[in-house]
Amino acid sequence: MYPRILVAIDGSEAARTALGEAIRLARTLGSRVRLLHVVNRAAWVPPDADPSVLQHVIDDLRGTGESLLHEATSAARAASIEVDSRLIEALGAPAGEVIVREAASWPASLIVCGTHGHRGLRRLLMGSDAELIVRHCPVPVLLVHAASTRVSAASGTEQ
């Protein structure tokens, strides 16, 4: 059903929960997984930053991304999932756009990503990569909330 699952990894609790869901799904379906981390330079660095500071920040972001991918790859392999990973550096493009492009070029049959579930002004100010992915992706998308913010279907309350 979903032989190639793309999983967006960003270090958040929502992404860790999404990874767990993707691993369970891949194990059940015998799917291959591609882990993706997007280093977005523009998101963390002011345009007038000193070049040496800029390089240091980019190196730190890249190192963090590589660590996250290594940890996620180890988790998938421990579950006997066929897995590979990609770290992509974006030059100001939203991470969601990069994820959609990667899903099309790989090609993925499903994208799994975490979402923080922000609404209203907070979502407007922070943006929503998950919304961009859902609106523009040519394949199904599974959005997973962080474990600490899941809402019980029976009671409608947060758990």
C-alpha atoms as a PDB file:
ATOM      1  CA  MET A   1       0.000   0.000   0.000  1.00  0.00           C
ATOM      2  CA  TYR A   2       2.759   2.473   0.977  1.00  0.00           C
ATOM      3  CA  PRO A   3       6.073   0.956  -0.128  1.00  0.00           C
ATOM      4  CA  ARG A   4       8.089   4.195   0.315  1.00  0.00           C
ATOM      5  CA  ILE A   5       7.489   6.345   3.390  1.00  0.00           C
ATOM      6  CA  LEU A   6       9.167   9.752   3.722  1.00  0.00           C
ATOM      7  CA  VAL A   7       9.554  10.935   7.326  1.00  0.00           C
ATOM      8  CA  ALA A   8      10.393  14.556   8.145  1.00  0.00           C
ATOM      9  CA  ILE A   9      12.711  14.840  11.167  1.00  0.00           C
ATOM     10  CA  ASP A  10      13.268  18.157  12.966  1.00  0.00           C
ATOM     11  CA  GLY A  11      14.054  17.191  16.558  1.00  0.00           C
ATOM     12  CA  SER A  12      10.670  18.165  17.969  1.00  0.00           C
ATOM     13  CA  GLU A  13       8.539  15.917  20.153  1.00  0.00           C
ATOM     14  CA  ALA A  14       5.977  15.814  17.330  1.00  0.00           C
ATOM     15  CA  ALA A  15       8.635  14.562  14.884  1.00  0.00           C
ATOM     16  CA  ARG A  16       9.803  11.879  17.338  1.00  0.00           C
ATOM     17  CA  THR A  17       6.213  10.704  17.749  1.00  0.00           C
ATOM     18  CA  ALA A  18       5.763  10.731  13.949  1.00  0.00           C
ATOM     19  CA  LEU A  19       8.929   8.653  13.537  1.00  0.00           C
ATOM     20  CA  GLY A  20       7.553   6.039  15.922  1.00  0.00           C
ATOM     21  CA  GLU A  21       4.305   5.932  13.966  1.00  0.00           C
ATOM     22  CA  ALA A  22       6.188   5.632  10.658  1.00  0.00           C
ATOM     23  CA  ILE A  23       8.333   2.794  12.011  1.00  0.00           C
ATOM     24  CA  ARG A  24       5.243   0.877  13.174  1.00  0.00           C
ATOM     25  CA  LEU A  25       3.559   1.435   9.815  1.00  0.00           C
ATOM     26  CA  ALA A  26       6.673   0.457   7.828  1.00  0.00           C
ATOM     27  CA  ARG A  27       7.117  -2.711   9.888  1.00  0.00           C
ATOM     28  CA  THR A  28       3.480  -3.703   9.316  1.00  0.00           C
ATOM     29  CA  LEU A  29       3.533  -2.940   5.575  1.00  0.00           C
ATOM     30  CA  GLY A  30       7.127  -3.936   4.791  1.00  0.00           C
ATOM     31  CA  SER A  31       7.833  -0.395   3.617  1.00  0.00           C
ATOM     32  CA  ARG A  32      11.138   1.324   2.992  1.00  0.00           C
ATOM     33  CA  VAL A  33      11.690   4.603   4.908  1.00  0.00           C
ATOM     34  CA  ARG A  34      13.554   7.748   3.927  1.00  0.00           C
ATOM     35  CA  LEU A  35      14.329  10.163   6.748  1.00  0.00           C
ATOM     36  CA  LEU A  36      14.647  13.814   5.803  1.00  0.00           C
ATOM     37  CA  HIS A  37      16.009  16.765   7.747  1.00  0.00           C
ATOM     38  CA  VAL A  38      15.947  20.259   6.237  1.00  0.00           C
ATOM     39  CA  VAL A  39      18.562  22.799   7.317  1.00  0.00           C
ATOM     40  CA  ASN A  40      16.954  26.146   6.602  1.00  0.00           C
ATOM     41  CA  ARG A  41      19.610  28.843   6.857  1.00  0.00           C
ATOM     42  CA  ALA A  42      17.235  31.790   6.621  1.00  0.00           C
ATOM     43  CA  ALA A  43      15.069  30.652   9.508  1.00  0.00           C
ATOM     44  CA  TRP A  44      17.795  31.122  12.121  1.00  0.00           C
ATOM     45  CA  VAL A  45      20.182  33.765  10.845  1.00  0.00           C
ATOM     46  CA  PRO A  46      19.542  37.501  10.461  1.00  0.00           C
ATOM     47  CA  PRO A  47      20.458  38.817   7.007  1.00  0.00           C
ATOM     48  CA  ASP A  48      23.070  41.212   8.404  1.00  0.00           C
ATOM     49  CA  ALA A  49      24.910  38.551  10.459  1.00  0.00           C
ATOM     50  CA  ASP A  50      28.697  38.505  10.397  1.00  0.00           C
ATOM     51  CA  PRO A  51      29.880  35.867   7.854  1.00  0.00           C
ATOM     52  CA  SER A  52      31.923  33.977  10.471  1.00  0.00           C
ATOM     53  CA  VAL A  53      28.922  33.861  12.794  1.00  0.00           C
ATOM     54  CA  LEU A  54      26.741  32.761   9.894  1.00  0.00           C
ATOM     55  CA  GLN A  55      29.105  29.895   9.049  1.00  0.00           C
ATOM     56  CA  HIS A  56      29.226  28.809  12.702  1.00  0.00           C
ATOM     57  CA  VAL A  57      25.408  28.764  12.928  1.00  0.00           C
ATOM     58  CA  ILE A  58      25.099  26.807   9.683  1.00  0.00           C
ATOM     59  CA  ASP A  59      27.711  24.286  10.860  1.00  0.00           C
ATOM     60  CA  ASP A  60      25.815  23.859  14.147  1.00  0.00           C
ATOM     61  CA  LEU A  61      22.492  23.389  12.331  1.00  0.00           C
ATOM     62  CA  ARG A  62      24.057  20.859   9.970  1.00  0.00           C
ATOM     63  CA  GLY A  63      25.649  18.951  12.874  1.00  0.00           C
ATOM     64  CA  THR A  64      22.370  18.879  14.775  1.00  0.00           C
ATOM     65  CA  GLY A  65      20.563  17.602  11.677  1.00  0.00           C
ATOM     66  CA  GLU A  66      23.130  14.866  11.126  1.00  0.00           C
ATOM     67  CA  SER A  67      22.785  13.775  14.765  1.00  0.00           C
ATOM     68  CA  LEU A  68      18.994  13.690  14.509  1.00  0.00           C
ATOM     69  CA  LEU A  69      19.172  11.618  11.327  1.00  0.00           C
ATOM     70  CA  HIS A  70      21.698   9.208  12.867  1.00  0.00           C
ATOM     71  CA  GLU A  71      19.475   8.690  15.921  1.00  0.00           C
ATOM     72  CA  ALA A  72      16.356   8.176  13.779  1.00  0.00           C
ATOM     73  CA  THR A  73      18.197   5.817  11.414  1.00  0.00           C
ATOM     74  CA  SER A  74      19.333   3.725  14.373  1.00  0.00           C
ATOM     75  CA  ALA A  75      15.760   3.510  15.665  1.00  0.00           C
ATOM     76  CA  ALA A  76      14.464   2.361  12.270  1.00  0.00           C
ATOM     77  CA  ARG A  77      17.240  -0.201  11.835  1.00  0.00           C
ATOM     78  CA  ALA A  78      16.598  -1.541  15.343  1.00  0.00           C
ATOM     79  CA  ALA A  79      13.060  -2.274  14.121  1.00  0.00           C
ATOM     80  CA  SER A  80      14.477  -4.053  11.028  1.00  0.00           C
ATOM     81  CA  ILE A  81      13.242  -1.332   8.670  1.00  0.00           C
ATOM     82  CA  GLU A  82      15.087  -0.631   5.415  1.00  0.00           C
ATOM     83  CA  VAL A  83      16.048   3.028   5.826  1.00  0.00           C
ATOM     84  CA  ASP A  84      18.146   5.778   4.312  1.00  0.00           C
ATOM     85  CA  SER A  85      18.443   9.448   5.185  1.00  0.00           C
ATOM     86  CA  ARG A  86      18.986  12.814   3.539  1.00  0.00           C
ATOM     87  CA  LEU A  87      20.000  16.177   4.927  1.00  0.00           C
ATOM     88  CA  ILE A  88      19.064  19.004   2.575  1.00  0.00           C
ATOM     89  CA  GLU A  89      20.169  22.605   2.997  1.00  0.00           C
ATOM     90  CA  ALA A  90      17.526  25.094   1.877  1.00  0.00           C
ATOM     91  CA  LEU A  91      18.419  28.653   0.981  1.00  0.00           C
ATOM     92  CA  GLY A  92      15.400  30.345   2.494  1.00  0.00           C
ATOM     93  CA  ALA A  93      12.728  28.024   1.132  1.00  0.00           C
ATOM     94  CA  PRO A  94      10.232  26.806   3.718  1.00  0.00           C
ATOM     95  CA  ALA A  95      10.979  23.279   4.914  1.00  0.00           C
ATOM     96  CA  GLY A  96       7.545  22.181   3.675  1.00  0.00           C
ATOM     97  CA  GLU A  97       8.459  23.057   0.085  1.00  0.00           C
ATOM     98  CA  VAL A  98      11.663  21.034   0.324  1.00  0.00           C
ATOM     99  CA  ILE A  99       9.755  18.062   1.766  1.00  0.00           C
ATOM    100  CA  VAL A 100       7.189  18.162  -1.070  1.00  0.00           C
ATOM    101  CA  ARG A 101       9.981  18.287  -3.689  1.00  0.00           C
ATOM    102  CA  GLU A 102      11.803  15.382  -2.050  1.00  0.00           C
ATOM    103  CA  ALA A 103       8.579  13.342  -1.897  1.00  0.00           C
ATOM    104  CA  ALA A 104       8.077  13.845  -5.635  1.00  0.00           C
ATOM    105  CA  SER A 105      11.671  13.118  -6.643  1.00  0.00           C
ATOM    106  CA  TRP A 106      12.261  10.042  -4.461  1.00  0.00           C
ATOM    107  CA  PRO A 107       9.240   9.123  -5.103  1.00  0.00           C
ATOM    108  CA  ALA A 108       7.411   8.647  -1.800  1.00  0.00           C
ATOM    109  CA  SER A 109       4.051   6.921  -1.553  1.00  0.00           C
ATOM    110  CA  LEU A 110       3.312   8.495   1.871  1.00  0.00           C
ATOM    111  CA  ILE A 111       4.717  11.361   3.944  1.00  0.00           C
ATOM    112  CA  VAL A 112       4.675  11.148   7.731  1.00  0.00           C
ATOM    113  CA  CYS A 113       5.420  14.294   9.692  1.00  0.00           C
ATOM    114  CA  GLY A 114       4.776  15.748  13.079  1.00  0.00           C
ATOM    115  CA  THR A 115       2.606  18.755  13.660  1.00  0.00           C
ATOM    116  CA  HIS A 116       2.343  21.030  16.631  1.00  0.00           C
ATOM    117  CA  GLY A 117      -1.318  21.754  15.963  1.00  0.00           C
ATOM    118  CA  HIS A 118      -0.974  25.529  16.376  1.00  0.00           C
ATOM    119  CA  ARG A 119      -4.034  27.544  15.492  1.00  0.00           C
ATOM    120  CA  GLY A 120      -4.908  31.178  14.984  1.00  0.00           C
ATOM    121  CA  LEU A 121      -2.303  33.883  15.459  1.00  0.00           C
ATOM    122  CA  ARG A 122       0.407  31.484  16.637  1.00  0.00           C
ATOM    123  CA  ARG A 123       0.132  29.478  13.387  1.00  0.00           C
ATOM    124  CA  LEU A 124       0.078  32.667  11.328  1.00  0.00           C
ATOM    125  CA  LEU A 125       3.231  33.979  13.001  1.00  0.00           C
ATOM    126  CA  MET A 126       5.142  30.690  12.975  1.00  0.00           C
ATOM    127  CA  GLY A 127       3.912  29.344   9.648  1.00  0.00           C
ATOM    128  CA  SER A 128       2.852  25.806   9.057  1.00  0.00           C
ATOM    129  CA  ASP A 129       5.055  23.441   7.116  1.00  0.00           C
ATOM    130  CA  ALA A 130       2.518  20.679   7.753  1.00  0.00           C
ATOM    131  CA  GLU A 131      -0.239  22.726   6.105  1.00  0.00           C
ATOM    132  CA  LEU A 132       1.989  23.513   3.123  1.00  0.00           C
ATOM    133  CA  ILE A 133       2.812  19.816   2.732  1.00  0.00           C
ATOM    134  CA  VAL A 134      -0.847  18.761   2.887  1.00  0.00           C
ATOM    135  CA  ARG A 135      -1.898  21.405   0.359  1.00  0.00           C
ATOM    136  CA  HIS A 136       0.847  20.765  -2.201  1.00  0.00           C
ATOM    137  CA  CYS A 137       1.907  17.141  -1.884  1.00  0.00           C
ATOM    138  CA  PRO A 138       0.831  14.697  -4.601  1.00  0.00           C
ATOM    139  CA  VAL A 139       0.787  11.738  -2.169  1.00  0.00           C
ATOM    140  CA  PRO A 140      -1.084  11.034   1.083  1.00  0.00           C
ATOM    141  CA  VAL A 141       0.203  12.754   4.224  1.00  0.00           C
ATOM    142  CA  LEU A 142      -0.072  11.415   7.768  1.00  0.00           C
ATOM    143  CA  LEU A 143       0.153  14.212  10.352  1.00  0.00           C
ATOM    144  CA  VAL A 144       1.041  13.113  13.868  1.00  0.00           C
ATOM    145  CA  HIS A 145       0.676  15.277  16.983  1.00  0.00           C
ATOM    146  CA  ALA A 146       3.228  15.056  19.772  1.00  0.00           C
ATOM    147  CA  ALA A 147       2.315  12.384  22.312  1.00  0.00           C
ATOM    148  CA  SER A 148       1.794  14.998  25.022  1.00  0.00           C
ATOM    149  CA  THR A 149      -0.870  16.835  23.006  1.00  0.00           C
ATOM    150  CA  ARG A 150      -2.930  13.973  21.644  1.00  0.00           C
ATOM    151  CA  VAL A 151      -6.644  14.445  22.068  1.00  0.00           C
ATOM    152  CA  SER A 152      -8.736  11.545  23.194  1.00  0.00           C
ATOM    153  CA  ALA A 153     -11.449  10.784  20.638  1.00  0.00           C
ATOM    154  CA  ALA A 154     -13.732   9.517  23.371  1.00  0.00           C
ATOM    155  CA  SER A 155     -13.519  12.470  25.745  1.00  0.00           C
ATOM    156  CA  GLY A 156     -12.276  15.301  23.518  1.00  0.00           C
ATOM    157  CA  THR A 157      -9.707  16.207  26.153  1.00  0.00           C
ATOM    158  CA  GLU A 158      -5.939  16.338  25.961  1.00  0.00           C
ATOM    159  CA  GLN A 159      -4.071  13.379  27.399  1.00  0.00           C
END
